[in-house]
Protein backbone atom coordinates (compact mmCIF):
# COMPACT_ATOMS: atom_id res chain seq x y z
CA MET A 1 0.00 0.00 0.00
CA ASN A 2 1.20 3.49 -0.83
CA PRO A 3 2.32 5.17 2.46
CA ALA A 4 0.26 8.27 1.69
CA TRP A 5 -2.87 6.16 1.22
CA ALA A 6 -2.10 4.31 4.43
CA LEU A 7 -1.94 7.61 6.33
CA LEU A 8 -5.26 8.70 4.84
CA ARG A 9 -6.85 5.78 6.69
CA LEU A 10 -6.48 7.93 9.80
CA ALA A 11 -9.42 9.97 8.45
CA SER A 12 -11.60 6.86 8.28
CA PRO A 13 -14.94 6.92 10.11
CA GLN A 14 -13.86 3.57 11.58
CA LEU A 15 -11.26 5.48 13.58
CA PRO A 16 -12.88 8.06 15.85
CA ILE A 17 -10.41 10.90 15.33
CA GLY A 18 -10.38 13.98 13.13
CA GLY A 19 -13.82 14.90 11.82
CA TYR A 20 -15.30 11.83 13.47
CA SER A 21 -13.84 12.39 16.92
CA TYR A 22 -15.64 12.43 20.21
CA SER A 23 -16.63 15.97 21.15
CA GLN A 24 -15.05 16.02 24.65
CA GLY A 25 -17.90 18.20 25.91
CA LEU A 26 -18.18 20.49 22.89
CA GLU A 27 -21.67 19.23 22.00
CA TRP A 28 -22.83 19.86 25.56
CA ALA A 29 -21.34 23.37 25.49
CA VAL A 30 -23.27 24.15 22.30
CA ASP A 31 -26.51 22.55 23.53
CA SER A 32 -26.33 24.40 26.85
CA GLY A 33 -25.73 27.77 25.18
CA LEU A 34 -22.19 28.15 26.49
CA ILE A 35 -20.99 28.29 22.88
CA THR A 36 -23.24 30.29 20.57
CA ASP A 37 -20.97 31.41 17.73
CA ALA A 38 -17.68 30.84 15.93
CA ASP A 39 -15.75 33.00 18.40
CA GLY A 40 -17.02 30.93 21.31
CA ALA A 41 -16.09 27.71 19.53
CA GLU A 42 -12.64 29.09 18.81
CA ARG A 43 -12.13 29.99 22.48
CA TRP A 44 -13.34 26.54 23.56
CA LEU A 45 -10.94 24.78 21.19
CA ALA A 46 -8.03 27.07 22.09
CA ASP A 47 -8.61 26.35 25.78
CA GLN A 48 -8.69 22.61 25.12
CA LEU A 49 -5.39 22.84 23.26
CA ALA A 50 -3.69 25.10 25.80
CA LEU A 51 -5.01 23.59 29.01
CA ASN A 52 -5.26 19.90 28.19
CA LEU A 53 -3.29 18.93 25.13
CA ALA A 54 -0.23 21.13 25.68
CA ARG A 55 0.00 20.66 29.45
CA PHE A 56 -0.97 17.02 29.87
CA GLU A 57 -1.61 14.85 26.84
CA ALA A 58 1.32 15.92 24.64
CA PRO A 59 3.91 15.60 27.45
CA LEU A 60 2.38 12.26 28.40
CA LEU A 61 2.62 11.08 24.79
CA LEU A 62 6.29 12.11 24.67
CA ALA A 63 6.92 10.18 27.89
CA HIS A 64 5.18 7.14 26.38
CA CYS A 65 7.36 7.37 23.27
CA GLN A 66 10.54 7.63 25.35
CA ALA A 67 9.56 4.69 27.54
CA ALA A 68 8.74 2.60 24.46
CA GLN A 69 12.06 3.53 22.84
CA ASP A 70 13.85 2.55 26.07
CA GLY A 71 11.87 -0.70 26.32
CA ASP A 72 10.71 0.35 29.80
CA TRP A 73 7.46 -1.60 30.05
CA GLY A 74 6.97 -0.73 33.72
CA GLN A 75 7.09 2.97 32.88
CA LEU A 76 4.68 2.44 29.97
CA GLN A 77 2.24 0.73 32.34
CA ALA A 78 2.56 3.56 34.89
CA LEU A 79 1.98 6.18 32.20
CA ALA A 80 -1.06 4.30 30.89
CA GLU A 81 -2.48 4.19 34.42
CA ARG A 82 -1.87 7.93 34.78
CA HIS A 83 -3.77 8.58 31.56
CA ARG A 84 -6.65 6.31 32.61
CA ALA A 85 -6.86 8.14 35.94
CA SER A 86 -7.17 11.47 34.08
CA ARG A 87 -10.47 10.47 32.46
CA GLU A 88 -13.02 12.26 34.64
CA THR A 89 -16.05 10.21 33.66
CA ARG A 90 -16.87 6.68 32.59
CA GLU A 91 -17.80 8.03 29.15
CA LEU A 92 -14.39 9.66 28.68
CA ALA A 93 -12.67 6.45 29.76
CA LEU A 94 -14.73 4.44 27.26
CA GLU A 95 -13.97 6.96 24.50
CA SER A 96 -10.25 6.66 25.16
CA ARG A 97 -10.38 2.87 25.24
CA GLN A 98 -12.39 2.67 22.01
CA MET A 99 -10.10 5.13 20.26
CA GLY A 100 -7.05 3.11 21.30
CA TYR A 101 -8.64 -0.13 20.16
CA SER A 102 -9.60 1.38 16.79
CA LEU A 103 -6.15 2.84 16.26
CA ARG A 104 -4.54 -0.50 17.10
CA GLN A 105 -6.77 -2.27 14.57
CA LEU A 106 -5.88 0.29 11.92
CA LEU A 107 -2.13 0.15 12.63
CA ASP A 108 -2.11 -3.65 12.61
CA GLY A 109 -3.42 -3.50 9.05
CA LEU A 110 -0.76 -1.11 7.76
CA PRO A 111 2.30 -2.33 5.86
CA GLU A 112 5.63 -2.23 7.68
């Protein structure tokens, strides 16, 4: 398979990321009237990036990558537990688990 085509599979509706991702509360914010326009949506997304992704998830991902590169399976397990503990609700935990499962299925099907 062409590597570019393989990467395009990341946009598949079978993998809940990109345009098909879970809303992480965005739908609720719109339904409740907290977000009423494009500016509000932009602020919401900027806050998510600045407060969650940049300060927690990206550094955690880097730590996962380093532990995997080092072959430190104990550290990988500890980091996975830390991420699981960060999911505030059962729904968020299920979203994360499903996304991981879907990504694993997709990656298993990619050429080396």
